Amino acid sequence: RTTDGQLYFEYRKNTGYVILRPEDILHIPGLGFDGLVGYSPIAMA
C-alpha cells in the first residue's frame, strides 16, 4: 500500500522492479487472513 492506503503491485523482473496498478492486474487470492493475499497450501501443510 502507498502512504494514502492505495494498493499497488510490485513485480520483480530480471532487470529490476515494475510497479503495476490494481486495474492492470488480475489477482485471484486463495485462502488468507486479510482477504487480499492468500497463503500457500504447501506452506501451511
PDB file of all heavy atoms in Angstrom:
ATOM      1  N   ARG A   1       0.834  -1.198   0.000  1.00  0.00           N
ATOM      2  CA  ARG A   1       0.000   0.000   0.000  1.00  0.00           C
ATOM      3  C   ARG A   1       0.870   1.250   0.000  1.00  0.00           C
ATOM      4  O   ARG A   1       1.976   1.255   0.560  1.00  0.00           O
ATOM      5  CB  ARG A   1      -0.922   0.032   1.232  1.00  0.00           C
ATOM      6  CG  ARG A   1      -1.999  -1.016   1.254  1.00  0.00           C
ATOM      7  CD  ARG A   1      -2.903  -0.852   2.462  1.00  0.00           C
ATOM      8  NE  ARG A   1      -3.890  -1.916   2.564  1.00  0.00           N
ATOM      9  CZ  ARG A   1      -5.077  -1.882   1.977  1.00  0.00           C
ATOM     10  NH1 ARG A   1      -5.423  -0.826   1.251  1.00  0.00           N
ATOM     11  NH2 ARG A   1      -5.924  -2.890   2.105  1.00  0.00           N
ATOM     12  N   THR A   2       0.347   2.286  -0.628  1.00  0.00           N
ATOM     13  CA  THR A   2       1.014   3.582  -0.580  1.00  0.00           C
ATOM     14  C   THR A   2       0.731   4.240   0.767  1.00  0.00           C
ATOM     15  O   THR A   2       0.009   3.710   1.605  1.00  0.00           O
ATOM     16  CB  THR A   2       0.518   4.477  -1.727  1.00  0.00           C
ATOM     17  OG1 THR A   2      -0.909   4.693  -1.578  1.00  0.00           O
ATOM     18  CG2 THR A   2       0.778   3.817  -3.069  1.00  0.00           C
ATOM     19  N   THR A   3       1.313   5.419   0.970  1.00  0.00           N
ATOM     20  CA  THR A   3       1.100   6.117   2.238  1.00  0.00           C
ATOM     21  C   THR A   3      -0.353   6.531   2.437  1.00  0.00           C
ATOM     22  O   THR A   3      -0.808   6.672   3.580  1.00  0.00           O
ATOM     23  CB  THR A   3       2.000   7.356   2.289  1.00  0.00           C
ATOM     24  OG1 THR A   3       1.750   8.165   1.116  1.00  0.00           O
ATOM     25  CG2 THR A   3       3.473   6.948   2.323  1.00  0.00           C
ATOM     26  N   ASP A   4      -1.098   6.718   1.364  1.00  0.00           N
ATOM     27  CA  ASP A   4      -2.512   7.077   1.488  1.00  0.00           C
ATOM     28  C   ASP A   4      -3.437   5.855   1.403  1.00  0.00           C
ATOM     29  O   ASP A   4      -4.656   6.004   1.260  1.00  0.00           O
ATOM     30  CB  ASP A   4      -2.908   8.095   0.423  1.00  0.00           C
ATOM     31  CG  ASP A   4      -2.644   7.593  -0.986  1.00  0.00           C
ATOM     32  OD1 ASP A   4      -2.021   6.507  -1.123  1.00  0.00           O
ATOM     33  OD2 ASP A   4      -3.041   8.272  -1.945  1.00  0.00           O
ATOM     34  N   GLY A   5      -2.871   4.631   1.484  1.00  0.00           N
ATOM     35  CA  GLY A   5      -3.682   3.428   1.575  1.00  0.00           C
ATOM     36  C   GLY A   5      -4.067   2.796   0.264  1.00  0.00           C
ATOM     37  O   GLY A   5      -4.845   1.830   0.267  1.00  0.00           O
ATOM     38  N   GLN A   6      -3.543   3.266  -0.867  1.00  0.00           N
ATOM     39  CA  GLN A   6      -3.891   2.697  -2.161  1.00  0.00           C
ATOM     40  C   GLN A   6      -3.041   1.451  -2.433  1.00  0.00           C
ATOM     41  O   GLN A   6      -1.840   1.438  -2.192  1.00  0.00           O
ATOM     42  CB  GLN A   6      -3.670   3.730  -3.276  1.00  0.00           C
ATOM     43  CG  GLN A   6      -4.543   4.959  -3.152  1.00  0.00           C
ATOM     44  CD  GLN A   6      -6.025   4.633  -3.293  1.00  0.00           C
ATOM     45  OE1 GLN A   6      -6.403   3.798  -4.128  1.00  0.00           O
ATOM     46  NE2 GLN A   6      -6.852   5.284  -2.496  1.00  0.00           N
ATOM     47  N   LEU A   7      -3.699   0.413  -2.934  1.00  0.00           N
ATOM     48  CA  LEU A   7      -2.981  -0.814  -3.255  1.00  0.00           C
ATOM     49  C   LEU A   7      -2.141  -0.638  -4.514  1.00  0.00           C
ATOM     50  O   LEU A   7      -2.523   0.068  -5.448  1.00  0.00           O
ATOM     51  CB  LEU A   7      -3.961  -1.966  -3.474  1.00  0.00           C
ATOM     52  CG  LEU A   7      -4.577  -2.639  -2.245  1.00  0.00           C
ATOM     53  CD1 LEU A   7      -5.600  -3.676  -2.681  1.00  0.00           C
ATOM     54  CD2 LEU A   7      -3.510  -3.280  -1.387  1.00  0.00           C
ATOM     55  N   TYR A   8      -0.992  -1.309  -4.531  1.00  0.00           N
ATOM     56  CA  TYR A   8      -0.202  -1.405  -5.751  1.00  0.00           C
ATOM     57  C   TYR A   8       0.544  -2.733  -5.731  1.00  0.00           C
ATOM     58  O   TYR A   8       0.721  -3.369  -4.688  1.00  0.00           O
ATOM     59  CB  TYR A   8       0.769  -0.227  -5.902  1.00  0.00           C
ATOM     60  CG  TYR A   8       1.910  -0.223  -4.923  1.00  0.00           C
ATOM     61  CD1 TYR A   8       3.127  -0.846  -5.217  1.00  0.00           C
ATOM     62  CD2 TYR A   8       1.799   0.414  -3.693  1.00  0.00           C
ATOM     63  CE1 TYR A   8       4.179  -0.836  -4.320  1.00  0.00           C
ATOM     64  CE2 TYR A   8       2.844   0.430  -2.789  1.00  0.00           C
ATOM     65  CZ  TYR A   8       4.038  -0.198  -3.119  1.00  0.00           C
ATOM     66  OH  TYR A   8       5.070  -0.191  -2.209  1.00  0.00           O
ATOM     67  N   PHE A   9       0.968  -3.170  -6.908  1.00  0.00           N
ATOM     68  CA  PHE A   9       1.654  -4.449  -7.070  1.00  0.00           C
ATOM     69  C   PHE A   9       3.066  -4.180  -7.565  1.00  0.00           C
ATOM     70  O   PHE A   9       3.266  -3.425  -8.525  1.00  0.00           O
ATOM     71  CB  PHE A   9       0.917  -5.344  -8.075  1.00  0.00           C
ATOM     72  CG  PHE A   9      -0.467  -5.735  -7.639  1.00  0.00           C
ATOM     73  CD1 PHE A   9      -1.545  -4.878  -7.854  1.00  0.00           C
ATOM     74  CD2 PHE A   9      -0.701  -6.938  -7.008  1.00  0.00           C
ATOM     75  CE1 PHE A   9      -2.817  -5.233  -7.460  1.00  0.00           C
ATOM     76  CE2 PHE A   9      -1.977  -7.302  -6.607  1.00  0.00           C
ATOM     77  CZ  PHE A   9      -3.026  -6.452  -6.834  1.00  0.00           C
ATOM     78  N   GLU A  10       4.027  -4.812  -6.915  1.00  0.00           N
ATOM     79  CA  GLU A  10       5.432  -4.669  -7.286  1.00  0.00           C
ATOM     80  C   GLU A  10       5.940  -6.015  -7.787  1.00  0.00           C
ATOM     81  O   GLU A  10       5.966  -6.998  -7.037  1.00  0.00           O
ATOM     82  CB  GLU A  10       6.256  -4.195  -6.083  1.00  0.00           C
ATOM     83  CG  GLU A  10       7.713  -3.910  -6.413  1.00  0.00           C
ATOM     84  CD  GLU A  10       8.484  -3.450  -5.192  1.00  0.00           C
ATOM     85  OE1 GLU A  10       8.598  -4.255  -4.241  1.00  0.00           O
ATOM     86  OE2 GLU A  10       8.964  -2.309  -5.187  1.00  0.00           O
ATOM     87  N   TYR A  11       6.354  -6.047  -9.048  1.00  0.00           N
ATOM     88  CA  TYR A  11       6.798  -7.297  -9.668  1.00  0.00           C
ATOM     89  C   TYR A  11       8.291  -7.229  -9.933  1.00  0.00           C
ATOM     90  O   TYR A  11       8.799  -6.250 -10.497  1.00  0.00           O
ATOM     91  CB  TYR A  11       6.050  -7.549 -10.972  1.00  0.00           C
ATOM     92  CG  TYR A  11       6.298  -8.913 -11.568  1.00  0.00           C
ATOM     93  CD1 TYR A  11       5.784 -10.049 -10.958  1.00  0.00           C
ATOM     94  CD2 TYR A  11       7.047  -9.067 -12.731  1.00  0.00           C
ATOM     95  CE1 TYR A  11       6.005 -11.310 -11.498  1.00  0.00           C
ATOM     96  CE2 TYR A  11       7.265 -10.323 -13.280  1.00  0.00           C
ATOM     97  CZ  TYR A  11       6.753 -11.440 -12.651  1.00  0.00           C
ATOM     98  OH  TYR A  11       6.977 -12.683 -13.180  1.00  0.00           O
ATOM     99  N   ARG A  12       8.989  -8.271  -9.519  1.00  0.00           N
ATOM    100  CA  ARG A  12      10.435  -8.322  -9.682  1.00  0.00           C
ATOM    101  C   ARG A  12      10.792  -9.019 -10.986  1.00  0.00           C
ATOM    102  O   ARG A  12      10.551 -10.210 -11.170  1.00  0.00           O
ATOM    103  CB  ARG A  12      11.074  -9.073  -8.509  1.00  0.00           C
ATOM    104  CG  ARG A  12      12.596  -8.999  -8.499  1.00  0.00           C
ATOM    105  CD  ARG A  12      13.184  -9.769  -7.334  1.00  0.00           C
ATOM    106  NE  ARG A  12      13.199 -11.209  -7.573  1.00  0.00           N
ATOM    107  CZ  ARG A  12      12.400 -12.072  -7.005  1.00  0.00           C
ATOM    108  NH1 ARG A  12      11.472 -11.664  -6.151  1.00  0.00           N
ATOM    109  NH2 ARG A  12      12.478 -13.372  -7.272  1.00  0.00           N
ATOM    110  N   LYS A  13      11.387  -8.269 -11.899  1.00  0.00           N
ATOM    111  CA  LYS A  13      11.885  -8.819 -13.149  1.00  0.00           C
ATOM    112  C   LYS A  13      13.384  -9.051 -13.035  1.00  0.00           C
ATOM    113  O   LYS A  13      14.020  -8.667 -12.052  1.00  0.00           O
ATOM    114  CB  LYS A  13      11.577  -7.861 -14.309  1.00  0.00           C
ATOM    115  CG  LYS A  13      10.094  -7.613 -14.535  1.00  0.00           C
ATOM    116  CD  LYS A  13       9.867  -6.584 -15.623  1.00  0.00           C
ATOM    117  CE  LYS A  13      10.432  -7.025 -16.951  1.00  0.00           C
ATOM    118  NZ  LYS A  13      10.174  -6.035 -18.025  1.00  0.00           N
ATOM    119  N   ASN A  14      13.954  -9.666 -14.063  1.00  0.00           N
ATOM    120  CA  ASN A  14      15.395  -9.893 -14.055  1.00  0.00           C
ATOM    121  C   ASN A  14      16.173  -8.585 -14.153  1.00  0.00           C
ATOM    122  O   ASN A  14      17.329  -8.514 -13.720  1.00  0.00           O
ATOM    123  CB  ASN A  14      15.781 -10.809 -15.221  1.00  0.00           C
ATOM    124  CG  ASN A  14      15.188 -12.202 -15.076  1.00  0.00           C
ATOM    125  OD1 ASN A  14      14.957 -12.671 -13.960  1.00  0.00           O
ATOM    126  ND2 ASN A  14      14.932 -12.854 -16.199  1.00  0.00           N
ATOM    127  N   THR A  15      15.548  -7.563 -14.694  1.00  0.00           N
ATOM    128  CA  THR A  15      16.225  -6.279 -14.880  1.00  0.00           C
ATOM    129  C   THR A  15      15.866  -5.251 -13.821  1.00  0.00           C
ATOM    130  O   THR A  15      16.360  -4.129 -13.873  1.00  0.00           O
ATOM    131  CB  THR A  15      15.883  -5.715 -16.270  1.00  0.00           C
ATOM    132  OG1 THR A  15      14.454  -5.605 -16.401  1.00  0.00           O
ATOM    133  CG2 THR A  15      16.407  -6.646 -17.363  1.00  0.00           C
ATOM    134  N   GLY A  16      14.988  -5.597 -12.883  1.00  0.00           N
ATOM    135  CA  GLY A  16      14.597  -4.630 -11.865  1.00  0.00           C
ATOM    136  C   GLY A  16      13.160  -4.850 -11.429  1.00  0.00           C
ATOM    137  O   GLY A  16      12.580  -5.933 -11.610  1.00  0.00           O
ATOM    138  N   TYR A  17      12.559  -3.817 -10.857  1.00  0.00           N
ATOM    139  CA  TYR A  17      11.204  -3.879 -10.318  1.00  0.00           C
ATOM    140  C   TYR A  17      10.265  -3.039 -11.175  1.00  0.00           C
ATOM    141  O   TYR A  17      10.646  -1.994 -11.711  1.00  0.00           O
ATOM    142  CB  TYR A  17      11.165  -3.385  -8.874  1.00  0.00           C
ATOM    143  CG  TYR A  17      11.851  -4.319  -7.903  1.00  0.00           C
ATOM    144  CD1 TYR A  17      13.219  -4.213  -7.664  1.00  0.00           C
ATOM    145  CD2 TYR A  17      11.138  -5.303  -7.235  1.00  0.00           C
ATOM    146  CE1 TYR A  17      13.857  -5.071  -6.770  1.00  0.00           C
ATOM    147  CE2 TYR A  17      11.761  -6.164  -6.341  1.00  0.00           C
ATOM    148  CZ  TYR A  17      13.117  -6.043  -6.123  1.00  0.00           C
ATOM    149  OH  TYR A  17      13.744  -6.890  -5.249  1.00  0.00           O
ATOM    150  N   VAL A  18       9.010  -3.525 -11.280  1.00  0.00           N
ATOM    151  CA  VAL A  18       7.976  -2.832 -12.034  1.00  0.00           C
ATOM    152  C   VAL A  18       6.782  -2.622 -11.110  1.00  0.00           C
ATOM    153  O   VAL A  18       6.353  -3.561 -10.421  1.00  0.00           O
ATOM    154  CB  VAL A  18       7.549  -3.627 -13.282  1.00  0.00           C
ATOM    155  CG1 VAL A  18       6.415  -2.910 -14.012  1.00  0.00           C
ATOM    156  CG2 VAL A  18       8.727  -3.837 -14.211  1.00  0.00           C
ATOM    157  N   ILE A  19       6.259  -1.404 -11.064  1.00  0.00           N
ATOM    158  CA  ILE A  19       5.082  -1.077 -10.267  1.00  0.00           C
ATOM    159  C   ILE A  19       3.847  -1.167 -11.161  1.00  0.00           C
ATOM    160  O   ILE A  19       3.800  -0.542 -12.229  1.00  0.00           O
ATOM    161  CB  ILE A  19       5.197   0.313  -9.628  1.00  0.00           C
ATOM    162  CG1 ILE A  19       6.464   0.403  -8.775  1.00  0.00           C
ATOM    163  CG2 ILE A  19       3.964   0.622  -8.792  1.00  0.00           C
ATOM    164  CD1 ILE A  19       6.490  -0.578  -7.622  1.00  0.00           C
ATOM    165  N   LEU A  20       2.862  -1.938 -10.741  1.00  0.00           N
ATOM    166  CA  LEU A  20       1.633  -2.124 -11.513  1.00  0.00           C
ATOM    167  C   LEU A  20       0.438  -1.664 -10.701  1.00  0.00           C
ATOM    168  O   LEU A  20       0.372  -1.891  -9.488  1.00  0.00           O
ATOM    169  CB  LEU A  20       1.457  -3.599 -11.894  1.00  0.00           C
ATOM    170  CG  LEU A  20       2.562  -4.203 -12.778  1.00  0.00           C
ATOM    171  CD1 LEU A  20       2.422  -5.718 -12.836  1.00  0.00           C
ATOM    172  CD2 LEU A  20       2.513  -3.615 -14.172  1.00  0.00           C
ATOM    173  N   ARG A  21      -0.509  -1.031 -11.360  1.00  0.00           N
ATOM    174  CA  ARG A  21      -1.728  -0.569 -10.702  1.00  0.00           C
ATOM    175  C   ARG A  21      -2.725  -1.722 -10.563  1.00  0.00           C
ATOM    176  O   ARG A  21      -2.661  -2.698 -11.299  1.00  0.00           O
ATOM    177  CB  ARG A  21      -2.354   0.561 -11.505  1.00  0.00           C
ATOM    178  CG  ARG A  21      -1.459   1.790 -11.688  1.00  0.00           C
ATOM    179  CD  ARG A  21      -2.108   2.756 -12.664  1.00  0.00           C
ATOM    180  NE  ARG A  21      -2.325   2.132 -13.969  1.00  0.00           N
ATOM    181  CZ  ARG A  21      -2.974   2.705 -14.972  1.00  0.00           C
ATOM    182  NH1 ARG A  21      -3.485   3.920 -14.807  1.00  0.00           N
ATOM    183  NH2 ARG A  21      -3.124   2.082 -16.122  1.00  0.00           N
ATOM    184  N   PRO A  22      -3.659  -1.632  -9.625  1.00  0.00           N
ATOM    185  CA  PRO A  22      -4.642  -2.713  -9.464  1.00  0.00           C
ATOM    186  C   PRO A  22      -5.460  -2.987 -10.721  1.00  0.00           C
ATOM    187  O   PRO A  22      -5.831  -4.144 -10.972  1.00  0.00           O
ATOM    188  CB  PRO A  22      -5.532  -2.211  -8.318  1.00  0.00           C
ATOM    189  CG  PRO A  22      -4.669  -1.275  -7.549  1.00  0.00           C
ATOM    190  CD  PRO A  22      -3.774  -0.615  -8.564  1.00  0.00           C
ATOM    191  N   GLU A  23      -5.748  -1.948 -11.515  1.00  0.00           N
ATOM    192  CA  GLU A  23      -6.529  -2.171 -12.730  1.00  0.00           C
ATOM    193  C   GLU A  23      -5.731  -2.875 -13.822  1.00  0.00           C
ATOM    194  O   GLU A  23      -6.301  -3.280 -14.846  1.00  0.00           O
ATOM    195  CB  GLU A  23      -7.084  -0.850 -13.267  1.00  0.00           C
ATOM    196  CG  GLU A  23      -6.023   0.207 -13.512  1.00  0.00           C
ATOM    197  CD  GLU A  23      -5.858   1.132 -12.322  1.00  0.00           C
ATOM    198  OE1 GLU A  23      -6.130   0.697 -11.187  1.00  0.00           O
ATOM    199  OE2 GLU A  23      -5.463   2.298 -12.542  1.00  0.00           O
ATOM    200  N   ASP A  24      -4.423  -3.033 -13.627  1.00  0.00           N
ATOM    201  CA  ASP A  24      -3.587  -3.728 -14.601  1.00  0.00           C
ATOM    202  C   ASP A  24      -3.276  -5.161 -14.186  1.00  0.00           C
ATOM    203  O   ASP A  24      -2.457  -5.823 -14.837  1.00  0.00           O
ATOM    204  CB  ASP A  24      -2.270  -2.964 -14.811  1.00  0.00           C
ATOM    205  CG  ASP A  24      -2.495  -1.591 -15.433  1.00  0.00           C
ATOM    206  OD1 ASP A  24      -3.466  -1.452 -16.200  1.00  0.00           O
ATOM    207  OD2 ASP A  24      -1.719  -0.672 -15.135  1.00  0.00           O
ATOM    208  N   ILE A  25      -3.878  -5.643 -13.105  1.00  0.00           N
ATOM    209  CA  ILE A  25      -3.572  -6.968 -12.582  1.00  0.00           C
ATOM    210  C   ILE A  25      -4.867  -7.744 -12.345  1.00  0.00           C
ATOM    211  O   ILE A  25      -5.815  -7.231 -11.753  1.00  0.00           O
ATOM    212  CB  ILE A  25      -2.777  -6.874 -11.258  1.00  0.00           C
ATOM    213  CG1 ILE A  25      -1.366  -6.373 -11.531  1.00  0.00           C
ATOM    214  CG2 ILE A  25      -2.718  -8.220 -10.549  1.00  0.00           C
ATOM    215  CD1 ILE A  25      -0.497  -7.355 -12.318  1.00  0.00           C
ATOM    216  N   LEU A  26      -4.896  -8.970 -12.830  1.00  0.00           N
ATOM    217  CA  LEU A  26      -5.921  -9.937 -12.447  1.00  0.00           C
ATOM    218  C   LEU A  26      -5.347 -10.760 -11.304  1.00  0.00           C
ATOM    219  O   LEU A  26      -4.419 -11.553 -11.509  1.00  0.00           O
ATOM    220  CB  LEU A  26      -6.291 -10.832 -13.628  1.00  0.00           C
ATOM    221  CG  LEU A  26      -7.128 -12.082 -13.308  1.00  0.00           C
ATOM    222  CD1 LEU A  26      -8.472 -11.709 -12.716  1.00  0.00           C
ATOM    223  CD2 LEU A  26      -7.288 -12.952 -14.551  1.00  0.00           C
ATOM    224  N   HIS A  27      -5.856 -10.555 -10.112  1.00  0.00           N
ATOM    225  CA  HIS A  27      -5.340 -11.233  -8.922  1.00  0.00           C
ATOM    226  C   HIS A  27      -6.422 -12.138  -8.363  1.00  0.00           C
ATOM    227  O   HIS A  27      -7.509 -11.678  -8.014  1.00  0.00           O
ATOM    228  CB  HIS A  27      -4.897 -10.205  -7.871  1.00  0.00           C
ATOM    229  CG  HIS A  27      -4.389 -10.840  -6.608  1.00  0.00           C
ATOM    230  ND1 HIS A  27      -4.390 -10.193  -5.388  1.00  0.00           N
ATOM    231  CD2 HIS A  27      -3.870 -12.080  -6.372  1.00  0.00           C
ATOM    232  CE1 HIS A  27      -3.889 -10.995  -4.469  1.00  0.00           C
ATOM    233  NE2 HIS A  27      -3.576 -12.146  -5.037  1.00  0.00           N
ATOM    234  N   ILE A  28      -6.109 -13.439  -8.271  1.00  0.00           N
ATOM    235  CA  ILE A  28      -7.004 -14.420  -7.673  1.00  0.00           C
ATOM    236  C   ILE A  28      -6.345 -14.903  -6.387  1.00  0.00           C
ATOM    237  O   ILE A  28      -5.421 -15.732  -6.439  1.00  0.00           O
ATOM    238  CB  ILE A  28      -7.275 -15.611  -8.609  1.00  0.00           C
ATOM    239  CG1 ILE A  28      -7.656 -15.132 -10.011  1.00  0.00           C
ATOM    240  CG2 ILE A  28      -8.346 -16.513  -8.027  1.00  0.00           C
ATOM    241  CD1 ILE A  28      -8.965 -14.410 -10.086  1.00  0.00           C
ATOM    242  N   PRO A  29      -6.757 -14.409  -5.226  1.00  0.00           N
ATOM    243  CA  PRO A  29      -6.150 -14.886  -3.977  1.00  0.00           C
ATOM    244  C   PRO A  29      -6.823 -16.155  -3.480  1.00  0.00           C
ATOM    245  O   PRO A  29      -8.023 -16.360  -3.666  1.00  0.00           O
ATOM    246  CB  PRO A  29      -6.384 -13.720  -3.009  1.00  0.00           C
ATOM    247  CG  PRO A  29      -7.649 -13.087  -3.501  1.00  0.00           C
ATOM    248  CD  PRO A  29      -7.696 -13.302  -5.002  1.00  0.00           C
ATOM    249  N   GLY A  30      -6.028 -16.997  -2.841  1.00  0.00           N
ATOM    250  CA  GLY A  30      -6.580 -18.176  -2.200  1.00  0.00           C
ATOM    251  C   GLY A  30      -7.008 -17.867  -0.780  1.00  0.00           C
ATOM    252  O   GLY A  30      -7.243 -16.709  -0.415  1.00  0.00           O
ATOM    253  N   LEU A  31      -7.111 -18.908   0.037  1.00  0.00           N
ATOM    254  CA  LEU A  31      -7.491 -18.728   1.428  1.00  0.00           C
ATOM    255  C   LEU A  31      -6.418 -17.924   2.154  1.00  0.00           C
ATOM    256  O   LEU A  31      -5.238 -18.260   2.112  1.00  0.00           O
ATOM    257  CB  LEU A  31      -7.675 -20.090   2.096  1.00  0.00           C
ATOM    258  CG  LEU A  31      -8.061 -20.075   3.572  1.00  0.00           C
ATOM    259  CD1 LEU A  31      -9.438 -19.465   3.760  1.00  0.00           C
ATOM    260  CD2 LEU A  31      -8.011 -21.483   4.145  1.00  0.00           C
ATOM    261  N   GLY A  32      -6.824 -16.846   2.803  1.00  0.00           N
ATOM    262  CA  GLY A  32      -5.884 -15.993   3.516  1.00  0.00           C
ATOM    263  C   GLY A  32      -6.502 -15.414   4.767  1.00  0.00           C
ATOM    264  O   GLY A  32      -7.643 -15.721   5.130  1.00  0.00           O
ATOM    265  N   PHE A  33      -5.735 -14.553   5.424  1.00  0.00           N
ATOM    266  CA  PHE A  33      -6.170 -13.973   6.684  1.00  0.00           C
ATOM    267  C   PHE A  33      -6.691 -12.551   6.536  1.00  0.00           C
ATOM    268  O   PHE A  33      -7.383 -12.051   7.415  1.00  0.00           O
ATOM    269  CB  PHE A  33      -5.016 -13.968   7.695  1.00  0.00           C
ATOM    270  CG  PHE A  33      -4.552 -15.344   8.075  1.00  0.00           C
ATOM    271  CD1 PHE A  33      -3.253 -15.561   8.487  1.00  0.00           C
ATOM    272  CD2 PHE A  33      -5.417 -16.429   8.024  1.00  0.00           C
ATOM    273  CE1 PHE A  33      -2.819 -16.833   8.839  1.00  0.00           C
ATOM    274  CE2 PHE A  33      -4.994 -17.699   8.371  1.00  0.00           C
ATOM    275  CZ  PHE A  33      -3.688 -17.896   8.781  1.00  0.00           C
ATOM    276  N   ASP A  34      -6.334 -11.871   5.449  1.00  0.00           N
ATOM    277  CA  ASP A  34      -6.731 -10.474   5.307  1.00  0.00           C
ATOM    278  C   ASP A  34      -7.599 -10.229   4.088  1.00  0.00           C
ATOM    279  O   ASP A  34      -8.010  -9.099   3.842  1.00  0.00           O
ATOM    280  CB  ASP A  34      -5.493  -9.570   5.244  1.00  0.00           C
ATOM    281  CG  ASP A  34      -4.535  -9.949   4.127  1.00  0.00           C
ATOM    282  OD1 ASP A  34      -4.884 -10.849   3.338  1.00  0.00           O
ATOM    283  OD2 ASP A  34      -3.439  -9.362   4.051  1.00  0.00           O
ATOM    284  N   GLY A  35      -7.896 -11.244   3.292  1.00  0.00           N
ATOM    285  CA  GLY A  35      -8.743 -11.073   2.121  1.00  0.00           C
ATOM    286  C   GLY A  35      -8.037 -10.500   0.917  1.00  0.00           C
ATOM    287  O   GLY A  35      -8.663 -10.344  -0.133  1.00  0.00           O
ATOM    288  N   LEU A  36      -6.747 -10.189   1.044  1.00  0.00           N
ATOM    289  CA  LEU A  36      -6.002  -9.598  -0.063  1.00  0.00           C
ATOM    290  C   LEU A  36      -4.979 -10.563  -0.638  1.00  0.00           C
ATOM    291  O   LEU A  36      -4.829 -10.655  -1.848  1.00  0.00           O
ATOM    292  CB  LEU A  36      -5.297  -8.318   0.395  1.00  0.00           C
ATOM    293  CG  LEU A  36      -6.216  -7.155   0.795  1.00  0.00           C
ATOM    294  CD1 LEU A  36      -5.391  -5.991   1.307  1.00  0.00           C
ATOM    295  CD2 LEU A  36      -7.083  -6.731  -0.373  1.00  0.00           C
ATOM    296  N   VAL A  37      -4.260 -11.258   0.202  1.00  0.00           N
ATOM    297  CA  VAL A  37      -3.222 -12.177  -0.229  1.00  0.00           C
ATOM    298  C   VAL A  37      -3.501 -13.542   0.380  1.00  0.00           C
ATOM    299  O   VAL A  37      -3.755 -13.649   1.586  1.00  0.00           O
ATOM    300  CB  VAL A  37      -1.820 -11.683   0.183  1.00  0.00           C
ATOM    301  CG1 VAL A  37      -0.756 -12.703  -0.196  1.00  0.00           C
ATOM    302  CG2 VAL A  37      -1.515 -10.351  -0.479  1.00  0.00           C
ATOM    303  N   GLY A  38      -3.479 -14.572  -0.453  1.00  0.00           N
ATOM    304  CA  GLY A  38      -3.700 -15.925   0.032  1.00  0.00           C
ATOM    305  C   GLY A  38      -2.407 -16.577   0.492  1.00  0.00           C
ATOM    306  O   GLY A  38      -1.304 -16.172   0.094  1.00  0.00           O
ATOM    307  N   TYR A  39      -2.539 -17.578   1.329  1.00  0.00           N
ATOM    308  CA  TYR A  39      -1.391 -18.317   1.817  1.00  0.00           C
ATOM    309  C   TYR A  39      -1.317 -19.667   1.117  1.00  0.00           C
ATOM    310  O   TYR A  39      -2.332 -20.287   0.809  1.00  0.00           O
ATOM    311  CB  TYR A  39      -1.458 -18.498   3.329  1.00  0.00           C
ATOM    312  CG  TYR A  39      -1.258 -17.209   4.089  1.00  0.00           C
ATOM    313  CD1 TYR A  39      -2.057 -16.889   5.171  1.00  0.00           C
ATOM    314  CD2 TYR A  39      -0.280 -16.307   3.699  1.00  0.00           C
ATOM    315  CE1 TYR A  39      -1.885 -15.701   5.859  1.00  0.00           C
ATOM    316  CE2 TYR A  39      -0.096 -15.126   4.380  1.00  0.00           C
ATOM    317  CZ  TYR A  39      -0.900 -14.819   5.462  1.00  0.00           C
ATOM    318  OH  TYR A  39      -0.723 -13.640   6.130  1.00  0.00           O
ATOM    319  N   SER A  40      -0.111 -20.130   0.903  1.00  0.00           N
ATOM    320  CA  SER A  40       0.113 -21.340   0.136  1.00  0.00           C
ATOM    321  C   SER A  40      -0.340 -22.576   0.895  1.00  0.00           C
ATOM    322  O   SER A  40       0.027 -22.762   2.060  1.00  0.00           O
ATOM    323  CB  SER A  40       1.599 -21.462  -0.204  1.00  0.00           C
ATOM    324  OG  SER A  40       1.893 -22.750  -0.697  1.00  0.00           O
ATOM    325  N   PRO A  41      -1.111 -23.469   0.263  1.00  0.00           N
ATOM    326  CA  PRO A  41      -1.424 -24.747   0.909  1.00  0.00           C
ATOM    327  C   PRO A  41      -0.171 -25.570   1.182  1.00  0.00           C
ATOM    328  O   PRO A  41      -0.111 -26.313   2.161  1.00  0.00           O
ATOM    329  CB  PRO A  41      -2.341 -25.443  -0.108  1.00  0.00           C
ATOM    330  CG  PRO A  41      -2.884 -24.349  -0.966  1.00  0.00           C
ATOM    331  CD  PRO A  41      -1.813 -23.306  -1.018  1.00  0.00           C
ATOM    332  N   ILE A  42       0.825 -25.453   0.318  1.00  0.00           N
ATOM    333  CA  ILE A  42       2.077 -26.183   0.517  1.00  0.00           C
ATOM    334  C   ILE A  42       2.767 -25.701   1.782  1.00  0.00           C
ATOM    335  O   ILE A  42       3.292 -26.488   2.579  1.00  0.00           O
ATOM    336  CB  ILE A  42       3.001 -26.000  -0.701  1.00  0.00           C
ATOM    337  CG1 ILE A  42       2.316 -26.492  -1.982  1.00  0.00           C
ATOM    338  CG2 ILE A  42       4.319 -26.730  -0.487  1.00  0.00           C
ATOM    339  CD1 ILE A  42       2.012 -27.957  -1.989  1.00  0.00           C
ATOM    340  N   ALA A  43       2.784 -24.376   1.994  1.00  0.00           N
ATOM    341  CA  ALA A  43       3.440 -23.830   3.175  1.00  0.00           C
ATOM    342  C   ALA A  43       2.684 -24.179   4.444  1.00  0.00           C
ATOM    343  O   ALA A  43       3.290 -24.475   5.477  1.00  0.00           O
ATOM    344  CB  ALA A  43       3.570 -22.309   3.035  1.00  0.00           C
ATOM    345  N   MET A  44       1.358 -24.135   4.387  1.00  0.00           N
ATOM    346  CA  MET A  44       0.571 -24.437   5.562  1.00  0.00           C
ATOM    347  C   MET A  44       0.687 -25.899   5.982  1.00  0.00           C
ATOM    348  O   MET A  44       0.579 -26.223   7.165  1.00  0.00           O
ATOM    349  CB  MET A  44      -0.908 -24.097   5.310  1.00  0.00           C
ATOM    350  CG  MET A  44      -1.171 -22.616   5.193  1.00  0.00           C
ATOM    351  SD  MET A  44      -0.744 -21.750   6.716  1.00  0.00           S
ATOM    352  CE  MET A  44      -1.160 -20.077   6.284  1.00  0.00           C
ATOM    353  N   ALA A  45       0.897 -26.786   5.040  1.00  0.00           N
ATOM    354  CA  ALA A  45       0.978 -28.219   5.339  1.00  0.00           C
ATOM    355  C   ALA A  45       2.373 -28.746   5.060  1.00  0.00           C
ATOM    356  O   ALA A  45       2.543 -29.891   4.637  1.00  0.00           O
ATOM    357  CB  ALA A  45      -0.057 -28.982   4.517  1.00  0.00           C
TER     358      ALA A  45
END
